[in-house]
Amino acid sequence: NQILDDIFLPVAEQFKPDFIIFSSGFDSHHLDPLGGLKITADYFGEILSKFQDIQPKIVCTLEGGYNLEWMGKCIVSQLAKMTSNKIKTEDSSSENKNVEKVIKDIKNEIKDYWEL
């Protein structure tokens, strides 16, 4: 959540896109055998919703995901947000302890291009 709010959303706001192509890589779900990130099914919908606030014209593509049970729930989470429906999955994940350092490193790398 923090990296989205501190990096991705401010950059998207500054860029002012005419539309957004959202590549839905559900292999970043915390139970995916290949991804290794800590994203929950509900949070995929939240990510989409936050970008809709910047630009409501969004196209989603399915990129990947290898846990078929949770991939379906991730897709439903995004579709629910796109259609203003509310759903909630029984899904939780622990926080990434390295997020502060990652955010600092990213900000340092892109400071010449974006105001963060």
PDB file of N, CA and C in Angstrom:
ATOM      1  N   ASN A   1       0.824  -1.190   0.000  1.00  0.00           N
ATOM      2  CA  ASN A   1       0.000   0.000   0.000  1.00  0.00           C
ATOM      3  C   ASN A   1       0.869   1.254   0.000  1.00  0.00           C
ATOM      4  N   GLN A   2       1.900   1.242   0.810  1.00  0.00           N
ATOM      5  CA  GLN A   2       2.748   2.424   0.942  1.00  0.00           C
ATOM      6  C   GLN A   2       3.492   2.744  -0.352  1.00  0.00           C
ATOM      7  N   ILE A   3       4.002   1.742  -1.028  1.00  0.00           N
ATOM      8  CA  ILE A   3       4.743   1.996  -2.266  1.00  0.00           C
ATOM      9  C   ILE A   3       3.802   2.508  -3.365  1.00  0.00           C
ATOM     10  N   LEU A   4       2.577   2.033  -3.352  1.00  0.00           N
ATOM     11  CA  LEU A   4       1.584   2.529  -4.310  1.00  0.00           C
ATOM     12  C   LEU A   4       1.304   4.008  -4.043  1.00  0.00           C
ATOM     13  N   ASP A   5       1.064   4.342  -2.781  1.00  0.00           N
ATOM     14  CA  ASP A   5       0.738   5.723  -2.411  1.00  0.00           C
ATOM     15  C   ASP A   5       1.928   6.672  -2.527  1.00  0.00           C
ATOM     16  N   ASP A   6       3.124   6.181  -2.250  1.00  0.00           N
ATOM     17  CA  ASP A   6       4.309   7.050  -2.240  1.00  0.00           C
ATOM     18  C   ASP A   6       5.010   7.162  -3.594  1.00  0.00           C
ATOM     19  N   ILE A   7       4.841   6.173  -4.460  1.00  0.00           N
ATOM     20  CA  ILE A   7       5.566   6.165  -5.736  1.00  0.00           C
ATOM     21  C   ILE A   7       4.607   6.161  -6.933  1.00  0.00           C
ATOM     22  N   PHE A   8       3.862   5.080  -7.095  1.00  0.00           N
ATOM     23  CA  PHE A   8       3.103   4.873  -8.331  1.00  0.00           C
ATOM     24  C   PHE A   8       1.994   5.891  -8.559  1.00  0.00           C
ATOM     25  N   LEU A   9       1.214   6.199  -7.531  1.00  0.00           N
ATOM     26  CA  LEU A   9       0.114   7.147  -7.726  1.00  0.00           C
ATOM     27  C   LEU A   9       0.607   8.566  -7.982  1.00  0.00           C
ATOM     28  N   PRO A  10       1.599   9.072  -7.229  1.00  0.00           N
ATOM     29  CA  PRO A  10       2.103  10.412  -7.552  1.00  0.00           C
ATOM     30  C   PRO A  10       2.685  10.514  -8.966  1.00  0.00           C
ATOM     31  N   VAL A  11       3.381   9.486  -9.412  1.00  0.00           N
ATOM     32  CA  VAL A  11       3.925   9.504 -10.773  1.00  0.00           C
ATOM     33  C   VAL A  11       2.782   9.504 -11.788  1.00  0.00           C
ATOM     34  N   ALA A  12       1.770   8.687 -11.566  1.00  0.00           N
ATOM     35  CA  ALA A  12       0.625   8.643 -12.485  1.00  0.00           C
ATOM     36  C   ALA A  12      -0.098   9.987 -12.523  1.00  0.00           C
ATOM     37  N   GLU A  13      -0.246  10.639 -11.370  1.00  0.00           N
ATOM     38  CA  GLU A  13      -0.902  11.953 -11.332  1.00  0.00           C
ATOM     39  C   GLU A  13      -0.101  12.989 -12.114  1.00  0.00           C
ATOM     40  N   GLN A  14       1.216  12.957 -11.982  1.00  0.00           N
ATOM     41  CA  GLN A  14       2.064  13.902 -12.710  1.00  0.00           C
ATOM     42  C   GLN A  14       2.060  13.608 -14.213  1.00  0.00           C
ATOM     43  N   PHE A  15       1.990  12.359 -14.576  1.00  0.00           N
ATOM     44  CA  PHE A  15       2.004  11.964 -15.981  1.00  0.00           C
ATOM     45  C   PHE A  15       0.708  12.347 -16.697  1.00  0.00           C
ATOM     46  N   LYS A  16      -0.408  12.326 -15.967  1.00  0.00           N
ATOM     47  CA  LYS A  16      -1.731  12.668 -16.517  1.00  0.00           C
ATOM     48  C   LYS A  16      -2.079  11.820 -17.755  1.00  0.00           C
ATOM     49  N   PRO A  17      -2.217  10.509 -17.570  1.00  0.00           N
ATOM     50  CA  PRO A  17      -2.476   9.638 -18.724  1.00  0.00           C
ATOM     51  C   PRO A  17      -3.865   9.856 -19.323  1.00  0.00           C
ATOM     52  N   ASP A  18      -3.966   9.645 -20.634  1.00  0.00           N
ATOM     53  CA  ASP A  18      -5.265   9.696 -21.314  1.00  0.00           C
ATOM     54  C   ASP A  18      -6.078   8.438 -21.030  1.00  0.00           C
ATOM     55  N   PHE A  19      -5.397   7.342 -20.780  1.00  0.00           N
ATOM     56  CA  PHE A  19      -6.011   6.093 -20.354  1.00  0.00           C
ATOM     57  C   PHE A  19      -4.909   5.253 -19.721  1.00  0.00           C
ATOM     58  N   ILE A  20      -5.294   4.208 -19.024  1.00  0.00           N
ATOM     59  CA  ILE A  20      -4.333   3.346 -18.336  1.00  0.00           C
ATOM     60  C   ILE A  20      -4.544   1.908 -18.796  1.00  0.00           C
ATOM     61  N   ILE A  21      -3.453   1.243 -19.138  1.00  0.00           N
ATOM     62  CA  ILE A  21      -3.489  -0.192 -19.409  1.00  0.00           C
ATOM     63  C   ILE A  21      -2.944  -0.878 -18.165  1.00  0.00           C
ATOM     64  N   PHE A  22      -3.769  -1.649 -17.534  1.00  0.00           N
ATOM     65  CA  PHE A  22      -3.439  -2.290 -16.268  1.00  0.00           C
ATOM     66  C   PHE A  22      -3.112  -3.748 -16.544  1.00  0.00           C
ATOM     67  N   SER A  23      -1.850  -4.097 -16.446  1.00  0.00           N
ATOM     68  CA  SER A  23      -1.409  -5.462 -16.675  1.00  0.00           C
ATOM     69  C   SER A  23      -1.544  -6.238 -15.365  1.00  0.00           C
ATOM     70  N   SER A  24      -2.560  -7.062 -15.289  1.00  0.00           N
ATOM     71  CA  SER A  24      -2.894  -7.759 -14.044  1.00  0.00           C
ATOM     72  C   SER A  24      -2.034  -9.005 -13.880  1.00  0.00           C
ATOM     73  N   GLY A  25      -0.940  -8.842 -13.198  1.00  0.00           N
ATOM     74  CA  GLY A  25      -0.039  -9.952 -12.925  1.00  0.00           C
ATOM     75  C   GLY A  25      -0.367 -10.565 -11.578  1.00  0.00           C
ATOM     76  N   PHE A  26      -1.275 -11.520 -11.579  1.00  0.00           N
ATOM     77  CA  PHE A  26      -1.721 -12.105 -10.324  1.00  0.00           C
ATOM     78  C   PHE A  26      -0.706 -13.066  -9.724  1.00  0.00           C
ATOM     79  N   ASP A  27       0.417 -13.241 -10.388  1.00  0.00           N
ATOM     80  CA  ASP A  27       1.488 -14.017  -9.769  1.00  0.00           C
ATOM     81  C   ASP A  27       2.114 -13.239  -8.612  1.00  0.00           C
ATOM     82  N   SER A  28       1.733 -11.994  -8.427  1.00  0.00           N
ATOM     83  CA  SER A  28       2.213 -11.233  -7.271  1.00  0.00           C
ATOM     84  C   SER A  28       1.330 -11.449  -6.039  1.00  0.00           C
ATOM     85  N   HIS A  29       0.297 -12.294  -6.156  1.00  0.00           N
ATOM     86  CA  HIS A  29      -0.520 -12.657  -4.992  1.00  0.00           C
ATOM     87  C   HIS A  29       0.354 -13.424  -4.004  1.00  0.00           C
ATOM     88  N   HIS A  30       0.110 -13.217  -2.731  1.00  0.00           N
ATOM     89  CA  HIS A  30       0.997 -13.794  -1.711  1.00  0.00           C
ATOM     90  C   HIS A  30       0.988 -15.320  -1.666  1.00  0.00           C
ATOM     91  N   LEU A  31      -0.020 -15.977  -2.210  1.00  0.00           N
ATOM     92  CA  LEU A  31      -0.045 -17.442  -2.224  1.00  0.00           C
ATOM     93  C   LEU A  31       0.352 -18.045  -3.568  1.00  0.00           C
ATOM     94  N   ASP A  32       0.760 -17.211  -4.502  1.00  0.00           N
ATOM     95  CA  ASP A  32       1.190 -17.721  -5.800  1.00  0.00           C
ATOM     96  C   ASP A  32       2.543 -18.414  -5.645  1.00  0.00           C
ATOM     97  N   PRO A  33       2.722 -19.580  -6.256  1.00  0.00           N
ATOM     98  CA  PRO A  33       3.974 -20.313  -6.075  1.00  0.00           C
ATOM     99  C   PRO A  33       5.200 -19.661  -6.713  1.00  0.00           C
ATOM    100  N   LEU A  34       5.008 -18.727  -7.649  1.00  0.00           N
ATOM    101  CA  LEU A  34       6.152 -18.122  -8.324  1.00  0.00           C
ATOM    102  C   LEU A  34       6.407 -16.669  -7.943  1.00  0.00           C
ATOM    103  N   GLY A  35       5.393 -15.955  -7.511  1.00  0.00           N
ATOM    104  CA  GLY A  35       5.499 -14.506  -7.350  1.00  0.00           C
ATOM    105  C   GLY A  35       6.339 -14.024  -6.188  1.00  0.00           C
ATOM    106  N   GLY A  36       5.994 -14.422  -5.000  1.00  0.00           N
ATOM    107  CA  GLY A  36       6.764 -14.014  -3.838  1.00  0.00           C
ATOM    108  C   GLY A  36       6.422 -12.654  -3.256  1.00  0.00           C
ATOM    109  N   LEU A  37       5.463 -11.927  -3.834  1.00  0.00           N
ATOM    110  CA  LEU A  37       5.056 -10.657  -3.237  1.00  0.00           C
ATOM    111  C   LEU A  37       3.947 -10.918  -2.228  1.00  0.00           C
ATOM    112  N   LYS A  38       3.493  -9.873  -1.553  1.00  0.00           N
ATOM    113  CA  LYS A  38       2.541 -10.078  -0.461  1.00  0.00           C
ATOM    114  C   LYS A  38       1.217  -9.378  -0.716  1.00  0.00           C
ATOM    115  N   ILE A  39       0.731  -9.436  -1.943  1.00  0.00           N
ATOM    116  CA  ILE A  39      -0.503  -8.751  -2.306  1.00  0.00           C
ATOM    117  C   ILE A  39      -1.690  -9.691  -2.103  1.00  0.00           C
ATOM    118  N   THR A  40      -2.768  -9.167  -1.505  1.00  0.00           N
ATOM    119  CA  THR A  40      -3.981  -9.952  -1.304  1.00  0.00           C
ATOM    120  C   THR A  40      -4.927  -9.775  -2.491  1.00  0.00           C
ATOM    121  N   ALA A  41      -5.894 -10.669  -2.598  1.00  0.00           N
ATOM    122  CA  ALA A  41      -6.877 -10.590  -3.683  1.00  0.00           C
ATOM    123  C   ALA A  41      -7.642  -9.270  -3.630  1.00  0.00           C
ATOM    124  N   ASP A  42      -8.067  -8.861  -2.446  1.00  0.00           N
ATOM    125  CA  ASP A  42      -8.813  -7.606  -2.319  1.00  0.00           C
ATOM    126  C   ASP A  42      -7.968  -6.406  -2.723  1.00  0.00           C
ATOM    127  N   TYR A  43      -6.689  -6.475  -2.459  1.00  0.00           N
ATOM    128  CA  TYR A  43      -5.843  -5.325  -2.766  1.00  0.00           C
ATOM    129  C   TYR A  43      -5.678  -5.117  -4.273  1.00  0.00           C
ATOM    130  N   PHE A  44      -5.789  -6.163  -5.070  1.00  0.00           N
ATOM    131  CA  PHE A  44      -5.758  -5.967  -6.522  1.00  0.00           C
ATOM    132  C   PHE A  44      -6.888  -5.038  -6.946  1.00  0.00           C
ATOM    133  N   GLY A  45      -8.054  -5.205  -6.339  1.00  0.00           N
ATOM    134  CA  GLY A  45      -9.165  -4.308  -6.625  1.00  0.00           C
ATOM    135  C   GLY A  45      -8.911  -2.903  -6.116  1.00  0.00           C
ATOM    136  N   GLU A  46      -8.295  -2.793  -4.945  1.00  0.00           N
ATOM    137  CA  GLU A  46      -7.984  -1.473  -4.386  1.00  0.00           C
ATOM    138  C   GLU A  46      -6.991  -0.720  -5.269  1.00  0.00           C
ATOM    139  N   ILE A  47      -6.000  -1.426  -5.776  1.00  0.00           N
ATOM    140  CA  ILE A  47      -5.026  -0.797  -6.677  1.00  0.00           C
ATOM    141  C   ILE A  47      -5.751  -0.204  -7.879  1.00  0.00           C
ATOM    142  N   LEU A  48      -6.598  -1.003  -8.482  1.00  0.00           N
ATOM    143  CA  LEU A  48      -7.353  -0.546  -9.646  1.00  0.00           C
ATOM    144  C   LEU A  48      -8.210   0.670  -9.300  1.00  0.00           C
ATOM    145  N   SER A  49      -8.864   0.625  -8.158  1.00  0.00           N
ATOM    146  CA  SER A  49      -9.723   1.729  -7.727  1.00  0.00           C
ATOM    147  C   SER A  49      -8.935   3.024  -7.561  1.00  0.00           C
ATOM    148  N   LYS A  50      -7.749   2.931  -7.009  1.00  0.00           N
ATOM    149  CA  LYS A  50      -6.923   4.131  -6.812  1.00  0.00           C
ATOM    150  C   LYS A  50      -6.492   4.732  -8.154  1.00  0.00           C
ATOM    151  N   PHE A  51      -6.197   3.885  -9.117  1.00  0.00           N
ATOM    152  CA  PHE A  51      -5.850   4.403 -10.444  1.00  0.00           C
ATOM    153  C   PHE A  51      -7.075   4.957 -11.166  1.00  0.00           C
ATOM    154  N   GLN A  52      -8.260   4.401 -10.893  1.00  0.00           N
ATOM    155  CA  GLN A  52      -9.492   4.937 -11.483  1.00  0.00           C
ATOM    156  C   GLN A  52      -9.736   6.374 -11.022  1.00  0.00           C
ATOM    157  N   ASP A  53      -9.287   6.707  -9.815  1.00  0.00           N
ATOM    158  CA  ASP A  53      -9.428   8.080  -9.323  1.00  0.00           C
ATOM    159  C   ASP A  53      -8.572   9.047 -10.138  1.00  0.00           C
ATOM    160  N   ILE A  54      -7.473   8.558 -10.684  1.00  0.00           N
ATOM    161  CA  ILE A  54      -6.590   9.388 -11.510  1.00  0.00           C
ATOM    162  C   ILE A  54      -7.101   9.442 -12.946  1.00  0.00           C
ATOM    163  N   GLN A  55      -7.483   8.289 -13.476  1.00  0.00           N
ATOM    164  CA  GLN A  55      -7.993   8.210 -14.850  1.00  0.00           C
ATOM    165  C   GLN A  55      -8.985   7.044 -14.920  1.00  0.00           C
ATOM    166  N   PRO A  56     -10.270   7.335 -15.088  1.00  0.00           N
ATOM    167  CA  PRO A  56     -11.265   6.257 -15.106  1.00  0.00           C
ATOM    168  C   PRO A  56     -11.227   5.367 -16.349  1.00  0.00           C
ATOM    169  N   LYS A  57     -10.560   5.804 -17.399  1.00  0.00           N
ATOM    170  CA  LYS A  57     -10.458   4.978 -18.615  1.00  0.00           C
ATOM    171  C   LYS A  57      -9.333   3.965 -18.429  1.00  0.00           C
ATOM    172  N   ILE A  58      -9.712   2.749 -18.058  1.00  0.00           N
ATOM    173  CA  ILE A  58      -8.735   1.702 -17.765  1.00  0.00           C
ATOM    174  C   ILE A  58      -9.077   0.445 -18.550  1.00  0.00           C
ATOM    175  N   VAL A  59      -8.050  -0.149 -19.141  1.00  0.00           N
ATOM    176  CA  VAL A  59      -8.160  -1.446 -19.799  1.00  0.00           C
ATOM    177  C   VAL A  59      -7.319  -2.418 -18.985  1.00  0.00           C
ATOM    178  N   CYS A  60      -7.873  -3.566 -18.658  1.00  0.00           N
ATOM    179  CA  CYS A  60      -7.127  -4.576 -17.905  1.00  0.00           C
ATOM    180  C   CYS A  60      -6.808  -5.760 -18.807  1.00  0.00           C
ATOM    181  N   THR A  61      -5.598  -6.251 -18.674  1.00  0.00           N
ATOM    182  CA  THR A  61      -5.198  -7.471 -19.370  1.00  0.00           C
ATOM    183  C   THR A  61      -4.734  -8.483 -18.334  1.00  0.00           C
ATOM    184  N   LEU A  62      -4.935  -9.732 -18.615  1.00  0.00           N
ATOM    185  CA  LEU A  62      -4.481 -10.780 -17.718  1.00  0.00           C
ATOM    186  C   LEU A  62      -3.060 -11.156 -18.105  1.00  0.00           C
ATOM    187  N   GLU A  63      -2.157 -10.978 -17.164  1.00  0.00           N
ATOM    188  CA  GLU A  63      -0.750 -11.248 -17.435  1.00  0.00           C
ATOM    189  C   GLU A  63      -0.322 -12.608 -16.929  1.00  0.00           C
ATOM    190  N   GLY A  64      -0.702 -12.951 -15.728  1.00  0.00           N
ATOM    191  CA  GLY A  64      -0.236 -14.213 -15.187  1.00  0.00           C
ATOM    192  C   GLY A  64      -0.811 -14.495 -13.820  1.00  0.00           C
ATOM    193  N   GLY A  65      -0.459 -15.632 -13.324  1.00  0.00           N
ATOM    194  CA  GLY A  65      -0.910 -16.117 -12.037  1.00  0.00           C
ATOM    195  C   GLY A  65      -0.955 -17.631 -12.107  1.00  0.00           C
ATOM    196  N   TYR A  66      -0.452 -18.275 -11.074  1.00  0.00           N
ATOM    197  CA  TYR A  66      -0.295 -19.720 -11.136  1.00  0.00           C
ATOM    198  C   TYR A  66      -1.007 -20.445 -10.005  1.00  0.00           C
ATOM    199  N   ASN A  67      -1.680 -19.712  -9.145  1.00  0.00           N
ATOM    200  CA  ASN A  67      -2.543 -20.309  -8.140  1.00  0.00           C
ATOM    201  C   ASN A  67      -3.964 -20.098  -8.651  1.00  0.00           C
ATOM    202  N   LEU A  68      -4.524 -21.110  -9.295  1.00  0.00           N
ATOM    203  CA  LEU A  68      -5.794 -20.944  -9.999  1.00  0.00           C
ATOM    204  C   LEU A  68      -6.939 -20.554  -9.075  1.00  0.00           C
ATOM    205  N   GLU A  69      -6.957 -21.074  -7.861  1.00  0.00           N
ATOM    206  CA  GLU A  69      -8.021 -20.709  -6.920  1.00  0.00           C
ATOM    207  C   GLU A  69      -7.993 -19.212  -6.631  1.00  0.00           C
ATOM    208  N   TRP A  70      -6.830 -18.681  -6.328  1.00  0.00           N
ATOM    209  CA  TRP A  70      -6.734 -17.271  -5.960  1.00  0.00           C
ATOM    210  C   TRP A  70      -6.700 -16.358  -7.171  1.00  0.00           C
ATOM    211  N   MET A  71      -6.247 -16.833  -8.302  1.00  0.00           N
ATOM    212  CA  MET A  71      -6.261 -15.998  -9.499  1.00  0.00           C
ATOM    213  C   MET A  71      -7.697 -15.598  -9.836  1.00  0.00           C
ATOM    214  N   GLY A  72      -8.625 -16.537  -9.741  1.00  0.00           N
ATOM    215  CA  GLY A  72     -10.028 -16.224  -9.986  1.00  0.00           C
ATOM    216  C   GLY A  72     -10.557 -15.182  -9.020  1.00  0.00           C
ATOM    217  N   LYS A  73     -10.167 -15.278  -7.756  1.00  0.00           N
ATOM    218  CA  LYS A  73     -10.621 -14.304  -6.755  1.00  0.00           C
ATOM    219  C   LYS A  73     -10.011 -12.930  -7.012  1.00  0.00           C
ATOM    220  N   CYS A  74      -8.788 -12.900  -7.491  1.00  0.00           N
ATOM    221  CA  CYS A  74      -8.142 -11.625  -7.835  1.00  0.00           C
ATOM    222  C   CYS A  74      -8.864 -10.961  -9.006  1.00  0.00           C
ATOM    223  N   ILE A  75      -9.230 -11.746 -10.001  1.00  0.00           N
ATOM    224  CA  ILE A  75      -9.961 -11.215 -11.157  1.00  0.00           C
ATOM    225  C   ILE A  75     -11.310 -10.662 -10.714  1.00  0.00           C
ATOM    226  N   VAL A  76     -12.021 -11.401  -9.879  1.00  0.00           N
ATOM    227  CA  VAL A  76     -13.322 -10.943  -9.385  1.00  0.00           C
ATOM    228  C   VAL A  76     -13.160  -9.653  -8.587  1.00  0.00           C
ATOM    229  N   SER A  77     -12.097  -9.535  -7.815  1.00  0.00           N
ATOM    230  CA  SER A  77     -11.845  -8.311  -7.048  1.00  0.00           C
ATOM    231  C   SER A  77     -11.714  -7.106  -7.970  1.00  0.00           C
ATOM    232  N   GLN A  78     -10.970  -7.263  -9.051  1.00  0.00           N
ATOM    233  CA  GLN A  78     -10.823  -6.154 -10.002  1.00  0.00           C
ATOM    234  C   GLN A  78     -12.134  -5.850 -10.716  1.00  0.00           C
ATOM    235  N   LEU A  79     -12.829  -6.879 -11.158  1.00  0.00           N
ATOM    236  CA  LEU A  79     -14.102  -6.662 -11.847  1.00  0.00           C
ATOM    237  C   LEU A  79     -15.115  -5.982 -10.935  1.00  0.00           C
ATOM    238  N   ALA A  80     -15.117  -6.346  -9.671  1.00  0.00           N
ATOM    239  CA  ALA A  80     -16.040  -5.720  -8.723  1.00  0.00           C
ATOM    240  C   ALA A  80     -15.766  -4.224  -8.614  1.00  0.00           C
ATOM    241  N   LYS A  81     -14.506  -3.842  -8.536  1.00  0.00           N
ATOM    242  CA  LYS A  81     -14.167  -2.413  -8.458  1.00  0.00           C
ATOM    243  C   LYS A  81     -14.535  -1.689  -9.743  1.00  0.00           C
ATOM    244  N   MET A  82     -14.331  -2.328 -10.876  1.00  0.00           N
ATOM    245  CA  MET A  82     -14.643  -1.694 -12.159  1.00  0.00           C
ATOM    246  C   MET A  82     -16.141  -1.480 -12.339  1.00  0.00           C
ATOM    247  N   THR A  83     -16.943  -2.306 -11.681  1.00  0.00           N
ATOM    248  CA  THR A  83     -18.394  -2.216 -11.827  1.00  0.00           C
ATOM    249  C   THR A  83     -19.069  -1.664 -10.576  1.00  0.00           C
ATOM    250  N   SER A  84     -18.271  -1.089  -9.679  1.00  0.00           N
ATOM    251  CA  SER A  84     -18.767  -0.470  -8.436  1.00  0.00           C
ATOM    252  C   SER A  84     -19.526  -1.447  -7.544  1.00  0.00           C
ATOM    253  N   ASN A  85     -19.127  -2.691  -7.565  1.00  0.00           N
ATOM    254  CA  ASN A  85     -19.687  -3.691  -6.655  1.00  0.00           C
ATOM    255  C   ASN A  85     -18.720  -3.917  -5.508  1.00  0.00           C
ATOM    256  N   LYS A  86     -19.243  -4.406  -4.403  1.00  0.00           N
ATOM    257  CA  LYS A  86     -18.396  -4.654  -3.239  1.00  0.00           C
ATOM    258  C   LYS A  86     -18.309  -6.153  -2.984  1.00  0.00           C
ATOM    259  N   ILE A  87     -17.090  -6.627  -2.868  1.00  0.00           N
ATOM    260  CA  ILE A  87     -16.858  -8.012  -2.468  1.00  0.00           C
ATOM    261  C   ILE A  87     -15.714  -8.003  -1.465  1.00  0.00           C
ATOM    262  N   LYS A  88     -15.605  -9.058  -0.713  1.00  0.00           N
ATOM    263  CA  LYS A  88     -14.517  -9.194   0.253  1.00  0.00           C
ATOM    264  C   LYS A  88     -14.114 -10.656   0.274  1.00  0.00           C
ATOM    265  N   THR A  89     -12.829 -10.914   0.109  1.00  0.00           N
ATOM    266  CA  THR A  89     -12.332 -12.286   0.203  1.00  0.00           C
ATOM    267  C   THR A  89     -11.742 -12.499   1.586  1.00  0.00           C
ATOM    268  N   GLU A  90     -11.655 -13.725   1.983  1.00  0.00           N
ATOM    269  CA  GLU A  90     -11.004 -14.072   3.247  1.00  0.00           C
ATOM    270  C   GLU A  90      -9.525 -14.291   2.938  1.00  0.00           C
ATOM    271  N   ASP A  91      -8.795 -13.204   2.868  1.00  0.00           N
ATOM    272  CA  ASP A  91      -7.407 -13.256   2.418  1.00  0.00           C
ATOM    273  C   ASP A  91      -6.605 -12.230   3.204  1.00  0.00           C
ATOM    274  N   SER A  92      -5.500 -12.641   3.757  1.00  0.00           N
ATOM    275  CA  SER A  92      -4.642 -11.688   4.470  1.00  0.00           C
ATOM    276  C   SER A  92      -3.187 -12.060   4.246  1.00  0.00           C
ATOM    277  N   SER A  93      -2.339 -11.061   4.408  1.00  0.00           N
ATOM    278  CA  SER A  93      -0.912 -11.252   4.172  1.00  0.00           C
ATOM    279  C   SER A  93      -0.144 -10.397   5.164  1.00  0.00           C
ATOM    280  N   SER A  94       1.076 -10.776   5.439  1.00  0.00           N
ATOM    281  CA  SER A  94       1.915  -9.973   6.326  1.00  0.00           C
ATOM    282  C   SER A  94       2.576  -8.853   5.535  1.00  0.00           C
ATOM    283  N   GLU A  95       3.010  -7.826   6.249  1.00  0.00           N
ATOM    284  CA  GLU A  95       3.660  -6.696   5.583  1.00  0.00           C
ATOM    285  C   GLU A  95       5.090  -7.038   5.191  1.00  0.00           C
ATOM    286  N   ASN A  96       5.566  -6.359   4.177  1.00  0.00           N
ATOM    287  CA  ASN A  96       6.948  -6.505   3.746  1.00  0.00           C
ATOM    288  C   ASN A  96       7.814  -5.603   4.615  1.00  0.00           C
ATOM    289  N   LYS A  97       8.761  -6.167   5.307  1.00  0.00           N
ATOM    290  CA  LYS A  97       9.597  -5.404   6.233  1.00  0.00           C
ATOM    291  C   LYS A  97      10.600  -4.504   5.528  1.00  0.00           C
ATOM    292  N   ASN A  98      10.868  -4.752   4.263  1.00  0.00           N
ATOM    293  CA  ASN A  98      11.874  -3.984   3.530  1.00  0.00           C
ATOM    294  C   ASN A  98      11.288  -2.820   2.745  1.00  0.00           C
ATOM    295  N   VAL A  99       9.999  -2.542   2.910  1.00  0.00           N
ATOM    296  CA  VAL A  99       9.338  -1.568   2.047  1.00  0.00           C
ATOM    297  C   VAL A  99       9.931  -0.165   2.181  1.00  0.00           C
ATOM    298  N   GLU A 100      10.313   0.251   3.358  1.00  0.00           N
ATOM    299  CA  GLU A 100      10.872   1.596   3.544  1.00  0.00           C
ATOM    300  C   GLU A 100      12.152   1.775   2.731  1.00  0.00           C
ATOM    301  N   LYS A 101      13.019   0.781   2.770  1.00  0.00           N
ATOM    302  CA  LYS A 101      14.270   0.865   2.014  1.00  0.00           C
ATOM    303  C   LYS A 101      13.997   0.850   0.510  1.00  0.00           C
ATOM    304  N   VAL A 102      13.072   0.016   0.085  1.00  0.00           N
ATOM    305  CA  VAL A 102      12.730  -0.059  -1.338  1.00  0.00           C
ATOM    306  C   VAL A 102      12.194   1.284  -1.819  1.00  0.00           C
ATOM    307  N   ILE A 103      11.303   1.898  -1.052  1.00  0.00           N
ATOM    308  CA  ILE A 103      10.745   3.204  -1.423  1.00  0.00           C
ATOM    309  C   ILE A 103      11.848   4.250  -1.508  1.00  0.00           C
ATOM    310  N   LYS A 104      12.731   4.262  -0.541  1.00  0.00           N
ATOM    311  CA  LYS A 104      13.839   5.219  -0.549  1.00  0.00           C
ATOM    312  C   LYS A 104      14.719   5.022  -1.784  1.00  0.00           C
ATOM    313  N   ASP A 105      15.027   3.772  -2.107  1.00  0.00           N
ATOM    314  CA  ASP A 105      15.866   3.478  -3.273  1.00  0.00           C
ATOM    315  C   ASP A 105      15.188   3.893  -4.582  1.00  0.00           C
ATOM    316  N   ILE A 106      13.895   3.614  -4.695  1.00  0.00           N
ATOM    317  CA  ILE A 106      13.170   3.997  -5.918  1.00  0.00           C
ATOM    318  C   ILE A 106      13.135   5.509  -6.060  1.00  0.00           C
ATOM    319  N   LYS A 107      12.815   6.200  -4.977  1.00  0.00           N
ATOM    320  CA  LYS A 107      12.767   7.668  -5.029  1.00  0.00           C
ATOM    321  C   LYS A 107      14.114   8.237  -5.463  1.00  0.00           C
ATOM    322  N   ASN A 108      15.175   7.659  -4.965  1.00  0.00           N
ATOM    323  CA  ASN A 108      16.509   8.113  -5.333  1.00  0.00           C
ATOM    324  C   ASN A 108      16.774   7.898  -6.830  1.00  0.00           C
ATOM    325  N   GLU A 109      16.324   6.769  -7.361  1.00  0.00           N
ATOM    326  CA  GLU A 109      16.554   6.452  -8.777  1.00  0.00           C
ATOM    327  C   GLU A 109      15.757   7.342  -9.728  1.00  0.00           C
ATOM    328  N   ILE A 110      14.564   7.766  -9.325  1.00  0.00           N
ATOM    329  CA  ILE A 110      13.701   8.508 -10.256  1.00  0.00           C
ATOM    330  C   ILE A 110      13.571   9.992  -9.913  1.00  0.00           C
ATOM    331  N   LYS A 111      14.367  10.473  -8.976  1.00  0.00           N
ATOM    332  CA  LYS A 111      14.238  11.860  -8.510  1.00  0.00           C
ATOM    333  C   LYS A 111      14.483  12.897  -9.608  1.00  0.00           C
ATOM    334  N   ASP A 112      15.232  12.554 -10.628  1.00  0.00           N
ATOM    335  CA  ASP A 112      15.487  13.502 -11.720  1.00  0.00           C
ATOM    336  C   ASP A 112      14.305  13.614 -12.689  1.00  0.00           C
ATOM    337  N   TYR A 113      13.337  12.716 -12.561  1.00  0.00           N
ATOM    338  CA  TYR A 113      12.227  12.664 -13.509  1.00  0.00           C
ATOM    339  C   TYR A 113      10.866  13.002 -12.903  1.00  0.00           C
ATOM    340  N   TRP A 114      10.691  12.719 -11.605  1.00  0.00           N
ATOM    341  CA  TRP A 114       9.390  12.891 -10.957  1.00  0.00           C
ATOM    342  C   TRP A 114       9.562  13.584  -9.611  1.00  0.00           C
ATOM    343  N   GLU A 115       8.577  14.387  -9.243  1.00  0.00           N
ATOM    344  CA  GLU A 115       8.581  15.045  -7.936  1.00  0.00           C
ATOM    345  C   GLU A 115       7.876  14.150  -6.929  1.00  0.00           C
ATOM    346  N   LEU A 116       8.639  13.631  -5.990  1.00  0.00           N
ATOM    347  CA  LEU A 116       8.062  12.754  -4.970  1.00  0.00           C
ATOM    348  C   LEU A 116       8.373  13.272  -3.576  1.00  0.00           C
TER     349      LEU A 116
END
